[in-house]
Amino acid sequence: MKEKEILEMQRLIDEGVRKAQYRLWQRAGAARQSLVVCRGGKIMEMIPDVDQWVEDSFSGDPLARRKQR
């Protein structure tokens, strides 16, 4: 495979991961549930604040935007 093809595939994979994170974040927020994640070797409970999201905005890391209990 060419370097350009590899980069395009990686971009598509990253985009899919961001969309999946967004949907999980939205679903947890709508159900008023928290998410438990491991970040940097630490276990964190995150509470989604659904109001901060603009629909169809997939830029950035949705788990980085959080409220902690």
Protein backbone atom coordinates (compact mmCIF):
# COMPACT_ATOMS: atom_id res chain seq x y z
CA MET A 1 0.00 0.00 0.00
CA LYS A 2 1.10 3.52 -0.64
CA GLU A 3 1.66 5.96 2.19
CA LYS A 4 -1.25 8.11 0.94
CA GLU A 5 -3.65 5.15 1.06
CA ILE A 6 -2.53 4.24 4.57
CA LEU A 7 -3.05 7.79 5.80
CA GLU A 8 -6.52 7.92 4.23
CA MET A 9 -7.48 4.60 5.86
CA GLN A 10 -6.21 5.84 9.24
CA ARG A 11 -8.21 9.06 8.84
CA LEU A 12 -11.38 7.07 8.15
CA ILE A 13 -10.75 4.81 11.15
CA ASP A 14 -10.18 7.82 13.42
CA GLU A 15 -13.36 9.45 12.14
CA GLY A 16 -15.34 6.27 12.85
CA VAL A 17 -13.96 6.08 16.39
CA ARG A 18 -14.87 9.74 17.05
CA LYS A 19 -18.42 9.12 15.77
CA ALA A 20 -18.79 6.03 17.97
CA GLN A 21 -17.55 7.97 21.01
CA TYR A 22 -19.98 10.77 20.23
CA ARG A 23 -22.93 8.37 19.97
CA LEU A 24 -21.96 6.62 23.22
CA TRP A 25 -21.60 10.00 24.96
CA GLN A 26 -25.03 11.13 23.64
CA ARG A 27 -26.70 7.85 24.63
CA ALA A 28 -25.27 7.98 28.15
CA GLY A 29 -26.31 11.60 28.54
CA ALA A 30 -29.84 10.94 27.32
CA ALA A 31 -30.17 8.04 29.75
CA ARG A 32 -28.67 10.17 32.56
CA GLN A 33 -25.93 7.62 33.11
CA SER A 34 -22.23 8.03 33.72
CA LEU A 35 -19.35 6.50 31.78
CA VAL A 36 -16.38 4.80 33.42
CA VAL A 37 -13.17 5.06 31.40
CA CYS A 38 -9.48 4.43 31.85
CA ARG A 39 -7.35 7.42 30.89
CA GLY A 40 -3.62 7.53 31.49
CA GLY A 41 -3.83 4.52 33.77
CA LYS A 42 -6.49 6.13 35.98
CA ILE A 43 -10.11 5.04 36.27
CA MET A 44 -12.52 7.97 35.92
CA GLU A 45 -16.27 8.28 36.12
CA MET A 46 -17.57 10.87 33.68
CA ILE A 47 -20.99 12.43 33.55
CA PRO A 48 -22.01 13.58 30.06
CA ASP A 49 -23.39 17.09 29.73
CA VAL A 50 -25.46 16.59 26.59
CA ASP A 51 -26.49 20.25 26.37
CA GLN A 52 -22.93 21.27 25.47
CA TRP A 53 -22.98 19.24 22.25
CA VAL A 54 -24.02 20.64 18.94
CA GLU A 55 -25.62 17.91 16.85
CA ASP A 56 -23.41 16.43 14.13
CA SER A 57 -20.26 17.96 15.61
CA PHE A 58 -17.65 15.20 15.58
CA SER A 59 -14.55 17.35 16.00
CA GLY A 60 -12.23 16.63 18.90
CA ASP A 61 -12.40 14.00 21.58
CA PRO A 62 -15.85 13.86 23.23
CA LEU A 63 -14.41 12.16 26.29
CA ALA A 64 -12.09 15.12 26.80
CA ARG A 65 -15.15 17.34 27.25
CA ARG A 66 -16.59 16.13 30.49
CA LYS A 67 -17.78 16.90 33.96
CA GLN A 68 -16.32 14.84 36.73
CA ARG A 69 -18.21 13.92 39.84
